[in-house]
Amino acid sequence: MSGVVPPGNSLDEVNESVSEFGADVGQGLVNLLNRISEEVAYNDAKGDNAFRLGVHDGLRFAEDAIAKLLKHHGYAAQSSPRELDV
């Protein structure tokens, strides 16, 4: 996993948020999108077994949906293509 570190242990944050809240819903979604992007990059670095590909697909679905929602409301947001995407 050359230089890729986990973005955080969500189990340590059970009573906290996984992503920082924003001043408004849009900013909160931007922060969540950034966190999902970090999770996708970390998942990519773990390899491509069937379980990882399933996790990857779920993360990418969430990333794409949030990016589309943000763009619809005028935010500059996008999800970038990655090697495992088919």
C-alpha atoms as a PDB file:
ATOM      1  CA  MET A   1       0.000   0.000   0.000  1.00  0.00           C
ATOM      2  CA  SER A   2       2.764   2.378  -0.976  1.00  0.00           C
ATOM      3  CA  GLY A   3       2.327   5.456   1.185  1.00  0.00           C
ATOM      4  CA  VAL A   4      -1.451   5.262   1.527  1.00  0.00           C
ATOM      5  CA  VAL A   5      -2.629   5.566   5.113  1.00  0.00           C
ATOM      6  CA  PRO A   6      -6.107   4.958   6.476  1.00  0.00           C
ATOM      7  CA  PRO A   7      -8.137   8.173   6.665  1.00  0.00           C
ATOM      8  CA  GLY A   8      -9.271   7.343  10.185  1.00  0.00           C
ATOM      9  CA  ASN A   9     -10.741   4.545  12.222  1.00  0.00           C
ATOM     10  CA  SER A  10     -14.492   5.020  12.231  1.00  0.00           C
ATOM     11  CA  LEU A  11     -14.767   2.630  15.187  1.00  0.00           C
ATOM     12  CA  ASP A  12     -12.883   5.193  17.297  1.00  0.00           C
ATOM     13  CA  GLU A  13     -15.479   7.770  16.316  1.00  0.00           C
ATOM     14  CA  VAL A  14     -18.712   5.957  17.136  1.00  0.00           C
ATOM     15  CA  ASN A  15     -20.047   8.948  19.064  1.00  0.00           C
ATOM     16  CA  GLU A  16     -18.463  11.495  16.726  1.00  0.00           C
ATOM     17  CA  SER A  17     -18.879  12.288  13.063  1.00  0.00           C
ATOM     18  CA  VAL A  18     -16.781  10.577  10.405  1.00  0.00           C
ATOM     19  CA  SER A  19     -16.599  13.870   8.523  1.00  0.00           C
ATOM     20  CA  GLU A  20     -16.438  17.419   9.835  1.00  0.00           C
ATOM     21  CA  PHE A  21     -19.743  19.244   9.790  1.00  0.00           C
ATOM     22  CA  GLY A  22     -19.957  22.256   7.524  1.00  0.00           C
ATOM     23  CA  ALA A  23     -21.497  25.669   8.054  1.00  0.00           C
ATOM     24  CA  ASP A  24     -24.269  24.531   5.728  1.00  0.00           C
ATOM     25  CA  VAL A  25     -25.493  21.277   4.239  1.00  0.00           C
ATOM     26  CA  GLY A  26     -23.467  21.800   1.068  1.00  0.00           C
ATOM     27  CA  GLN A  27     -20.214  22.276   2.936  1.00  0.00           C
ATOM     28  CA  GLY A  28     -20.979  19.245   5.078  1.00  0.00           C
ATOM     29  CA  LEU A  29     -21.475  17.188   1.903  1.00  0.00           C
ATOM     30  CA  VAL A  30     -18.212  18.534   0.451  1.00  0.00           C
ATOM     31  CA  ASN A  31     -16.437  17.354   3.606  1.00  0.00           C
ATOM     32  CA  LEU A  32     -18.164  13.964   3.380  1.00  0.00           C
ATOM     33  CA  LEU A  33     -17.219  13.670  -0.302  1.00  0.00           C
ATOM     34  CA  ASN A  34     -13.588  14.343   0.602  1.00  0.00           C
ATOM     35  CA  ARG A  35     -13.697  11.637   3.285  1.00  0.00           C
ATOM     36  CA  ILE A  36     -15.262   9.122   0.886  1.00  0.00           C
ATOM     37  CA  SER A  37     -12.548   9.929  -1.680  1.00  0.00           C
ATOM     38  CA  GLU A  38      -9.900   9.177   0.959  1.00  0.00           C
ATOM     39  CA  GLU A  39     -11.636   5.884   1.766  1.00  0.00           C
ATOM     40  CA  VAL A  40     -11.764   4.926  -1.938  1.00  0.00           C
ATOM     41  CA  ALA A  41      -8.045   5.667  -2.358  1.00  0.00           C
ATOM     42  CA  TYR A  42      -7.219   3.596   0.713  1.00  0.00           C
ATOM     43  CA  ASN A  43      -9.437   0.742  -0.474  1.00  0.00           C
ATOM     44  CA  ASP A  44      -7.735   0.855  -3.903  1.00  0.00           C
ATOM     45  CA  ALA A  45      -4.367   0.377  -2.239  1.00  0.00           C
ATOM     46  CA  LYS A  46      -5.540  -2.811  -0.480  1.00  0.00           C
ATOM     47  CA  GLY A  47      -5.943  -4.814  -3.670  1.00  0.00           C
ATOM     48  CA  ASP A  48      -8.728  -6.155  -5.796  1.00  0.00           C
ATOM     49  CA  ASN A  49     -10.193  -9.269  -4.178  1.00  0.00           C
ATOM     50  CA  ALA A  50     -13.958  -9.771  -4.427  1.00  0.00           C
ATOM     51  CA  PHE A  51     -14.689  -8.228  -1.018  1.00  0.00           C
ATOM     52  CA  ARG A  52     -12.593  -5.137  -1.765  1.00  0.00           C
ATOM     53  CA  LEU A  53     -14.258  -4.698  -5.143  1.00  0.00           C
ATOM     54  CA  GLY A  54     -17.670  -4.787  -3.465  1.00  0.00           C
ATOM     55  CA  VAL A  55     -16.613  -2.188  -0.916  1.00  0.00           C
ATOM     56  CA  HIS A  56     -15.076  -0.136  -3.707  1.00  0.00           C
ATOM     57  CA  ASP A  57     -18.307  -0.210  -5.717  1.00  0.00           C
ATOM     58  CA  GLY A  58     -20.321   0.971  -2.715  1.00  0.00           C
ATOM     59  CA  LEU A  59     -17.911   3.789  -1.956  1.00  0.00           C
ATOM     60  CA  ARG A  60     -17.798   4.886  -5.584  1.00  0.00           C
ATOM     61  CA  PHE A  61     -21.607   4.883  -5.776  1.00  0.00           C
ATOM     62  CA  ALA A  62     -21.763   7.157  -2.711  1.00  0.00           C
ATOM     63  CA  GLU A  63     -18.983   9.385  -4.053  1.00  0.00           C
ATOM     64  CA  ASP A  64     -20.673   9.791  -7.444  1.00  0.00           C
ATOM     65  CA  ALA A  65     -24.095  10.460  -5.895  1.00  0.00           C
ATOM     66  CA  ILE A  66     -22.780  13.152  -3.549  1.00  0.00           C
ATOM     67  CA  ALA A  67     -20.749  14.789  -6.337  1.00  0.00           C
ATOM     68  CA  LYS A  68     -23.818  14.913  -8.609  1.00  0.00           C
ATOM     69  CA  LEU A  69     -25.957  16.369  -5.821  1.00  0.00           C
ATOM     70  CA  LEU A  70     -23.379  19.045  -5.073  1.00  0.00           C
ATOM     71  CA  LYS A  71     -22.953  19.960  -8.759  1.00  0.00           C
ATOM     72  CA  HIS A  72     -26.728  20.261  -9.083  1.00  0.00           C
ATOM     73  CA  HIS A  73     -26.657  22.865  -6.309  1.00  0.00           C
ATOM     74  CA  GLY A  74     -23.774  24.863  -7.777  1.00  0.00           C
ATOM     75  CA  TYR A  75     -20.782  23.417  -5.914  1.00  0.00           C
ATOM     76  CA  ALA A  76     -17.578  22.514  -7.727  1.00  0.00           C
ATOM     77  CA  ALA A  77     -17.438  18.795  -6.983  1.00  0.00           C
ATOM     78  CA  GLN A  78     -16.421  15.712  -8.886  1.00  0.00           C
ATOM     79  CA  SER A  79     -15.348  12.156  -8.420  1.00  0.00           C
ATOM     80  CA  SER A  80     -12.299  11.165 -10.381  1.00  0.00           C
ATOM     81  CA  PRO A  81     -11.818   7.921 -12.297  1.00  0.00           C
ATOM     82  CA  ARG A  82      -9.601   5.341 -10.629  1.00  0.00           C
ATOM     83  CA  GLU A  83      -7.741   2.281 -11.813  1.00  0.00           C
ATOM     84  CA  LEU A  84     -10.239  -0.243 -10.399  1.00  0.00           C
ATOM     85  CA  ASP A  85     -13.232   1.396 -12.073  1.00  0.00           C
ATOM     86  CA  VAL A  86     -14.606  -0.654 -14.913  1.00  0.00           C
END
